[in-house]
């Protein structure tokens, strides 16, 4: 099993795995650095993998980079 620290490892492109539990009801992370428009379900361990509506963006509004890392890219 992977630790939270391992899951939050940032790759060379600034991307990482995000879990739905990191996002509040507004879709913003508690550190207010990232946002996701995906409607979070009841599973806080759901992986936000960067596909479809599960993309994660910077909250600065000027960066359209998807910061969500897919499971395949993580491996």
PDB file of N, CA and C in Angstrom:
ATOM      1  N   UNK A   1       0.849  -1.182   0.000  1.00  0.00           N
ATOM      2  CA  UNK A   1       0.000   0.000   0.000  1.00  0.00           C
ATOM      3  C   UNK A   1       0.890   1.240   0.000  1.00  0.00           C
ATOM      4  N   UNK A   2       0.488   2.226  -0.779  1.00  0.00           N
ATOM      5  CA  UNK A   2       1.257   3.465  -0.875  1.00  0.00           C
ATOM      6  C   UNK A   2       0.850   4.449   0.215  1.00  0.00           C
ATOM      7  N   UNK A   3       1.810   5.191   0.694  1.00  0.00           N
ATOM      8  CA  UNK A   3       1.526   6.223   1.691  1.00  0.00           C
ATOM      9  C   UNK A   3       1.009   7.480   0.993  1.00  0.00           C
ATOM     10  N   UNK A   4       0.394   8.370   1.772  1.00  0.00           N
ATOM     11  CA  UNK A   4      -0.047   9.652   1.218  1.00  0.00           C
ATOM     12  C   UNK A   4       1.131  10.417   0.636  1.00  0.00           C
ATOM     13  N   UNK A   5       2.267  10.343   1.317  1.00  0.00           N
ATOM     14  CA  UNK A   5       3.467  11.039   0.846  1.00  0.00           C
ATOM     15  C   UNK A   5       3.899  10.528  -0.521  1.00  0.00           C
ATOM     16  N   UNK A   6       3.864   9.204  -0.707  1.00  0.00           N
ATOM     17  CA  UNK A   6       4.244   8.617  -1.990  1.00  0.00           C
ATOM     18  C   UNK A   6       3.266   9.014  -3.085  1.00  0.00           C
ATOM     19  N   UNK A   7       1.979   9.030  -2.763  1.00  0.00           N
ATOM     20  CA  UNK A   7       0.970   9.412  -3.749  1.00  0.00           C
ATOM     21  C   UNK A   7       1.119  10.864  -4.184  1.00  0.00           C
ATOM     22  N   UNK A   8       1.612  11.699  -3.301  1.00  0.00           N
ATOM     23  CA  UNK A   8       1.738  13.129  -3.605  1.00  0.00           C
ATOM     24  C   UNK A   8       3.087  13.492  -4.215  1.00  0.00           C
ATOM     25  N   UNK A   9       3.833  12.479  -4.663  1.00  0.00           N
ATOM     26  CA  UNK A   9       5.109  12.728  -5.321  1.00  0.00           C
ATOM     27  C   UNK A   9       4.860  13.467  -6.636  1.00  0.00           C
ATOM     28  N   UNK A  10       5.544  14.567  -6.817  1.00  0.00           N
ATOM     29  CA  UNK A  10       5.378  15.393  -8.015  1.00  0.00           C
ATOM     30  C   UNK A  10       6.380  14.943  -9.071  1.00  0.00           C
ATOM     31  N   UNK A  11       5.888  14.753 -10.313  1.00  0.00           N
ATOM     32  CA  UNK A  11       6.791  14.324 -11.387  1.00  0.00           C
ATOM     33  C   UNK A  11       7.543  15.532 -11.956  1.00  0.00           C
ATOM     34  N   UNK A  12       8.351  15.297 -12.957  1.00  0.00           N
ATOM     35  CA  UNK A  12       9.179  16.364 -13.532  1.00  0.00           C
ATOM     36  C   UNK A  12       8.364  17.446 -14.231  1.00  0.00           C
ATOM     37  N   UNK A  13       7.101  17.155 -14.532  1.00  0.00           N
ATOM     38  CA  UNK A  13       6.221  18.136 -15.176  1.00  0.00           C
ATOM     39  C   UNK A  13       5.319  18.857 -14.178  1.00  0.00           C
ATOM     40  N   UNK A  14       5.537  18.629 -12.880  1.00  0.00           N
ATOM     41  CA  UNK A  14       4.735  19.293 -11.852  1.00  0.00           C
ATOM     42  C   UNK A  14       3.395  18.633 -11.600  1.00  0.00           C
ATOM     43  N   UNK A  15       3.209  17.407 -12.097  1.00  0.00           N
ATOM     44  CA  UNK A  15       1.938  16.696 -11.935  1.00  0.00           C
ATOM     45  C   UNK A  15       2.061  15.650 -10.838  1.00  0.00           C
ATOM     46  N   UNK A  16       0.908  15.274 -10.263  1.00  0.00           N
ATOM     47  CA  UNK A  16       0.888  14.230  -9.239  1.00  0.00           C
ATOM     48  C   UNK A  16      -0.495  13.618  -9.167  1.00  0.00           C
ATOM     49  N   UNK A  17      -0.604  12.536  -8.408  1.00  0.00           N
ATOM     50  CA  UNK A  17      -1.892  11.896  -8.148  1.00  0.00           C
ATOM     51  C   UNK A  17      -2.675  12.771  -7.167  1.00  0.00           C
ATOM     52  N   UNK A  18      -3.941  12.988  -7.440  1.00  0.00           N
ATOM     53  CA  UNK A  18      -4.837  13.679  -6.517  1.00  0.00           C
ATOM     54  C   UNK A  18      -5.951  12.720  -6.121  1.00  0.00           C
ATOM     55  N   UNK A  19      -6.401  12.801  -4.900  1.00  0.00           N
ATOM     56  CA  UNK A  19      -7.547  12.029  -4.427  1.00  0.00           C
ATOM     57  C   UNK A  19      -8.706  12.979  -4.205  1.00  0.00           C
ATOM     58  N   UNK A  20      -9.918  12.493  -4.425  1.00  0.00           N
ATOM     59  CA  UNK A  20     -11.091  13.368  -4.305  1.00  0.00           C
ATOM     60  C   UNK A  20     -11.224  13.970  -2.911  1.00  0.00           C
ATOM     61  N   UNK A  21     -10.724  13.275  -1.895  1.00  0.00           N
ATOM     62  CA  UNK A  21     -10.804  13.785  -0.529  1.00  0.00           C
ATOM     63  C   UNK A  21      -9.975  15.033  -0.293  1.00  0.00           C
ATOM     64  N   UNK A  22      -9.090  15.371  -1.219  1.00  0.00           N
ATOM     65  CA  UNK A  22      -8.277  16.581  -1.087  1.00  0.00           C
ATOM     66  C   UNK A  22      -9.042  17.846  -1.455  1.00  0.00           C
ATOM     67  N   UNK A  23     -10.195  17.684  -2.093  1.00  0.00           N
ATOM     68  CA  UNK A  23     -10.963  18.816  -2.596  1.00  0.00           C
ATOM     69  C   UNK A  23     -12.188  19.060  -1.724  1.00  0.00           C
ATOM     70  N   UNK A  24     -12.408  20.310  -1.385  1.00  0.00           N
ATOM     71  CA  UNK A  24     -13.584  20.670  -0.603  1.00  0.00           C
ATOM     72  C   UNK A  24     -14.817  20.762  -1.486  1.00  0.00           C
ATOM     73  N   UNK A  25     -15.920  21.200  -0.929  1.00  0.00           N
ATOM     74  CA  UNK A  25     -17.173  21.286  -1.678  1.00  0.00           C
ATOM     75  C   UNK A  25     -17.091  22.287  -2.824  1.00  0.00           C
ATOM     76  N   UNK A  26     -16.160  23.222  -2.746  1.00  0.00           N
ATOM     77  CA  UNK A  26     -15.978  24.190  -3.825  1.00  0.00           C
ATOM     78  C   UNK A  26     -15.097  23.664  -4.945  1.00  0.00           C
ATOM     79  N   UNK A  27     -14.494  22.469  -4.735  1.00  0.00           N
ATOM     80  CA  UNK A  27     -13.609  21.891  -5.729  1.00  0.00           C
ATOM     81  C   UNK A  27     -12.178  22.382  -5.617  1.00  0.00           C
ATOM     82  N   UNK A  28     -11.856  23.059  -4.518  1.00  0.00           N
ATOM     83  CA  UNK A  28     -10.520  23.608  -4.306  1.00  0.00           C
ATOM     84  C   UNK A  28      -9.840  22.835  -3.178  1.00  0.00           C
ATOM     85  N   UNK A  29      -8.531  22.590  -3.331  1.00  0.00           N
ATOM     86  CA  UNK A  29      -7.770  21.898  -2.288  1.00  0.00           C
ATOM     87  C   UNK A  29      -7.619  22.795  -1.068  1.00  0.00           C
ATOM     88  N   UNK A  30      -7.347  22.187   0.075  1.00  0.00           N
ATOM     89  CA  UNK A  30      -7.248  22.951   1.326  1.00  0.00           C
ATOM     90  C   UNK A  30      -6.108  23.968   1.296  1.00  0.00           C
ATOM     91  N   UNK A  31      -5.059  23.712   0.500  1.00  0.00           N
ATOM     92  CA  UNK A  31      -3.971  24.688   0.382  1.00  0.00           C
ATOM     93  C   UNK A  31      -4.280  25.777  -0.641  1.00  0.00           C
ATOM     94  N   UNK A  32      -5.448  25.668  -1.280  1.00  0.00           N
ATOM     95  CA  UNK A  32      -5.968  26.634  -2.258  1.00  0.00           C
ATOM     96  C   UNK A  32      -5.081  26.802  -3.487  1.00  0.00           C
ATOM     97  N   UNK A  33      -4.308  25.766  -3.820  1.00  0.00           N
ATOM     98  CA  UNK A  33      -3.434  25.839  -4.983  1.00  0.00           C
ATOM     99  C   UNK A  33      -4.021  25.178  -6.226  1.00  0.00           C
ATOM    100  N   UNK A  34      -4.974  24.230  -6.026  1.00  0.00           N
ATOM    101  CA  UNK A  34      -5.518  23.482  -7.157  1.00  0.00           C
ATOM    102  C   UNK A  34      -7.039  23.417  -7.089  1.00  0.00           C
ATOM    103  N   UNK A  35      -7.650  23.284  -8.271  1.00  0.00           N
ATOM    104  CA  UNK A  35      -9.094  23.112  -8.329  1.00  0.00           C
ATOM    105  C   UNK A  35      -9.466  22.052  -9.347  1.00  0.00           C
ATOM    106  N   UNK A  36     -10.623  21.466  -9.122  1.00  0.00           N
ATOM    107  CA  UNK A  36     -11.149  20.423 -10.008  1.00  0.00           C
ATOM    108  C   UNK A  36     -12.642  20.640 -10.144  1.00  0.00           C
ATOM    109  N   UNK A  37     -13.143  20.565 -11.374  1.00  0.00           N
ATOM    110  CA  UNK A  37     -14.571  20.775 -11.619  1.00  0.00           C
ATOM    111  C   UNK A  37     -15.388  19.493 -11.504  1.00  0.00           C
ATOM    112  N   UNK A  38     -14.720  18.366 -11.302  1.00  0.00           N
ATOM    113  CA  UNK A  38     -15.386  17.064 -11.168  1.00  0.00           C
ATOM    114  C   UNK A  38     -16.256  17.049  -9.912  1.00  0.00           C
ATOM    115  N   UNK A  39     -17.447  16.534 -10.026  1.00  0.00           N
ATOM    116  CA  UNK A  39     -18.307  16.397  -8.847  1.00  0.00           C
ATOM    117  C   UNK A  39     -17.784  15.228  -8.014  1.00  0.00           C
ATOM    118  N   UNK A  40     -17.294  15.558  -6.834  1.00  0.00           N
ATOM    119  CA  UNK A  40     -16.712  14.543  -5.977  1.00  0.00           C
ATOM    120  C   UNK A  40     -17.804  13.670  -5.381  1.00  0.00           C
ATOM    121  N   UNK A  41     -17.572  12.375  -5.388  1.00  0.00           N
ATOM    122  CA  UNK A  41     -18.527  11.439  -4.815  1.00  0.00           C
ATOM    123  C   UNK A  41     -18.283  11.250  -3.333  1.00  0.00           C
ATOM    124  N   UNK A  42     -18.761  10.158  -2.817  1.00  0.00           N
ATOM    125  CA  UNK A  42     -18.618   9.879  -1.386  1.00  0.00           C
ATOM    126  C   UNK A  42     -17.332   9.135  -1.063  1.00  0.00           C
ATOM    127  N   UNK A  43     -16.571   8.752  -2.088  1.00  0.00           N
ATOM    128  CA  UNK A  43     -15.329   8.018  -1.866  1.00  0.00           C
ATOM    129  C   UNK A  43     -14.147   8.989  -1.853  1.00  0.00           C
ATOM    130  N   UNK A  44     -13.590   9.311  -0.675  1.00  0.00           N
ATOM    131  CA  UNK A  44     -12.476  10.255  -0.614  1.00  0.00           C
ATOM    132  C   UNK A  44     -11.183   9.707  -1.214  1.00  0.00           C
ATOM    133  N   UNK A  45     -11.161   8.406  -1.528  1.00  0.00           N
ATOM    134  CA  UNK A  45      -9.975   7.795  -2.112  1.00  0.00           C
ATOM    135  C   UNK A  45     -10.051   7.674  -3.632  1.00  0.00           C
ATOM    136  N   UNK A  46     -11.113   8.228  -4.225  1.00  0.00           N
ATOM    137  CA  UNK A  46     -11.234   8.207  -5.684  1.00  0.00           C
ATOM    138  C   UNK A  46     -10.065   8.984  -6.288  1.00  0.00           C
ATOM    139  N   UNK A  47      -9.402   8.391  -7.268  1.00  0.00           N
ATOM    140  CA  UNK A  47      -8.273   9.043  -7.919  1.00  0.00           C
ATOM    141  C   UNK A  47      -8.785   9.998  -8.987  1.00  0.00           C
ATOM    142  N   UNK A  48      -8.326  11.224  -8.906  1.00  0.00           N
ATOM    143  CA  UNK A  48      -8.631  12.227  -9.922  1.00  0.00           C
ATOM    144  C   UNK A  48      -7.504  12.118 -10.943  1.00  0.00           C
ATOM    145  N   UNK A  49      -7.782  11.418 -12.051  1.00  0.00           N
ATOM    146  CA  UNK A  49      -6.726  10.958 -12.953  1.00  0.00           C
ATOM    147  C   UNK A  49      -6.465  11.834 -14.175  1.00  0.00           C
ATOM    148  N   UNK A  50      -7.110  12.963 -14.273  1.00  0.00           N
ATOM    149  CA  UNK A  50      -6.841  13.863 -15.388  1.00  0.00           C
ATOM    150  C   UNK A  50      -7.651  13.594 -16.633  1.00  0.00           C
ATOM    151  N   UNK A  51      -8.526  12.600 -16.613  1.00  0.00           N
ATOM    152  CA  UNK A  51      -9.342  12.299 -17.780  1.00  0.00           C
ATOM    153  C   UNK A  51     -10.683  13.022 -17.701  1.00  0.00           C
ATOM    154  N   UNK A  52     -11.231  13.318 -18.839  1.00  0.00           N
ATOM    155  CA  UNK A  52     -12.556  13.945 -18.944  1.00  0.00           C
ATOM    156  C   UNK A  52     -12.694  15.133 -17.997  1.00  0.00           C
ATOM    157  N   UNK A  53     -13.623  15.050 -17.045  1.00  0.00           N
ATOM    158  CA  UNK A  53     -13.840  16.163 -16.108  1.00  0.00           C
ATOM    159  C   UNK A  53     -12.999  16.035 -14.847  1.00  0.00           C
ATOM    160  N   UNK A  54     -12.122  15.063 -14.805  1.00  0.00           N
ATOM    161  CA  UNK A  54     -11.273  14.844 -13.633  1.00  0.00           C
ATOM    162  C   UNK A  54      -9.904  15.500 -13.810  1.00  0.00           C
ATOM    163  N   UNK A  55      -9.904  16.708 -14.332  1.00  0.00           N
ATOM    164  CA  UNK A  55      -8.667  17.457 -14.518  1.00  0.00           C
ATOM    165  C   UNK A  55      -8.473  18.403 -13.349  1.00  0.00           C
ATOM    166  N   UNK A  56      -7.228  18.636 -13.015  1.00  0.00           N
ATOM    167  CA  UNK A  56      -6.881  19.506 -11.896  1.00  0.00           C
ATOM    168  C   UNK A  56      -6.067  20.673 -12.444  1.00  0.00           C
ATOM    169  N   UNK A  57      -6.505  21.875 -12.098  1.00  0.00           N
ATOM    170  CA  UNK A  57      -5.856  23.082 -12.579  1.00  0.00           C
ATOM    171  C   UNK A  57      -5.326  23.911 -11.419  1.00  0.00           C
ATOM    172  N   UNK A  58      -4.425  24.815 -11.738  1.00  0.00           N
ATOM    173  CA  UNK A  58      -3.938  25.771 -10.753  1.00  0.00           C
ATOM    174  C   UNK A  58      -5.047  26.790 -10.496  1.00  0.00           C
ATOM    175  N   UNK A  59      -5.131  27.285  -9.285  1.00  0.00           N
ATOM    176  CA  UNK A  59      -6.172  28.277  -8.962  1.00  0.00           C
ATOM    177  C   UNK A  59      -5.814  29.673  -9.430  1.00  0.00           C
ATOM    178  N   UNK A  60      -4.624  29.870  -9.991  1.00  0.00           N
ATOM    179  CA  UNK A  60      -4.254  31.222 -10.405  1.00  0.00           C
ATOM    180  C   UNK A  60      -5.024  31.707 -11.625  1.00  0.00           C
ATOM    181  N   UNK A  61      -5.690  30.786 -12.346  1.00  0.00           N
ATOM    182  CA  UNK A  61      -6.565  31.177 -13.448  1.00  0.00           C
ATOM    183  C   UNK A  61      -5.875  31.455 -14.770  1.00  0.00           C
ATOM    184  N   UNK A  62      -4.566  31.506 -14.794  1.00  0.00           N
ATOM    185  CA  UNK A  62      -3.851  31.812 -16.030  1.00  0.00           C
ATOM    186  C   UNK A  62      -3.103  30.610 -16.576  1.00  0.00           C
ATOM    187  N   UNK A  63      -3.263  29.481 -15.935  1.00  0.00           N
ATOM    188  CA  UNK A  63      -2.525  28.276 -16.295  1.00  0.00           C
ATOM    189  C   UNK A  63      -3.531  27.181 -16.631  1.00  0.00           C
ATOM    190  N   UNK A  64      -3.497  26.692 -17.865  1.00  0.00           N
ATOM    191  CA  UNK A  64      -4.434  25.649 -18.287  1.00  0.00           C
ATOM    192  C   UNK A  64      -3.822  24.256 -18.221  1.00  0.00           C
ATOM    193  N   UNK A  65      -2.699  24.118 -17.523  1.00  0.00           N
ATOM    194  CA  UNK A  65      -2.041  22.826 -17.361  1.00  0.00           C
ATOM    195  C   UNK A  65      -2.895  21.915 -16.497  1.00  0.00           C
ATOM    196  N   UNK A  66      -3.013  20.659 -16.902  1.00  0.00           N
ATOM    197  CA  UNK A  66      -3.697  19.650 -16.102  1.00  0.00           C
ATOM    198  C   UNK A  66      -2.660  19.028 -15.176  1.00  0.00           C
ATOM    199  N   UNK A  67      -2.783  19.261 -13.872  1.00  0.00           N
ATOM    200  CA  UNK A  67      -1.813  18.779 -12.900  1.00  0.00           C
ATOM    201  C   UNK A  67      -2.110  17.385 -12.370  1.00  0.00           C
ATOM    202  N   UNK A  68      -3.199  16.777 -12.819  1.00  0.00           N
ATOM    203  CA  UNK A  68      -3.546  15.428 -12.374  1.00  0.00           C
ATOM    204  C   UNK A  68      -2.747  14.406 -13.161  1.00  0.00           C
ATOM    205  N   UNK A  69      -2.074  13.548 -12.455  1.00  0.00           N
ATOM    206  CA  UNK A  69      -1.249  12.494 -13.048  1.00  0.00           C
ATOM    207  C   UNK A  69      -2.073  11.220 -13.145  1.00  0.00           C
ATOM    208  N   UNK A  70      -2.040  10.571 -14.293  1.00  0.00           N
ATOM    209  CA  UNK A  70      -2.784   9.316 -14.430  1.00  0.00           C
ATOM    210  C   UNK A  70      -2.092   8.214 -13.633  1.00  0.00           C
ATOM    211  N   UNK A  71      -2.858   7.176 -13.333  1.00  0.00           N
ATOM    212  CA  UNK A  71      -2.286   6.026 -12.629  1.00  0.00           C
ATOM    213  C   UNK A  71      -1.155   5.404 -13.442  1.00  0.00           C
ATOM    214  N   UNK A  72      -1.336   5.283 -14.753  1.00  0.00           N
ATOM    215  CA  UNK A  72      -0.306   4.695 -15.614  1.00  0.00           C
ATOM    216  C   UNK A  72       0.976   5.525 -15.588  1.00  0.00           C
ATOM    217  N   UNK A  73       0.831   6.844 -15.660  1.00  0.00           N
ATOM    218  CA  UNK A  73       2.016   7.710 -15.635  1.00  0.00           C
ATOM    219  C   UNK A  73       2.692   7.678 -14.274  1.00  0.00           C
ATOM    220  N   UNK A  74       1.919   7.475 -13.218  1.00  0.00           N
ATOM    221  CA  UNK A  74       2.481   7.392 -11.869  1.00  0.00           C
ATOM    222  C   UNK A  74       3.383   6.188 -11.733  1.00  0.00           C
ATOM    223  N   UNK A  75       2.934   5.063 -12.302  1.00  0.00           N
ATOM    224  CA  UNK A  75       3.692   3.821 -12.209  1.00  0.00           C
ATOM    225  C   UNK A  75       4.960   3.958 -12.996  1.00  0.00           C
TER     226      UNK A  75
END
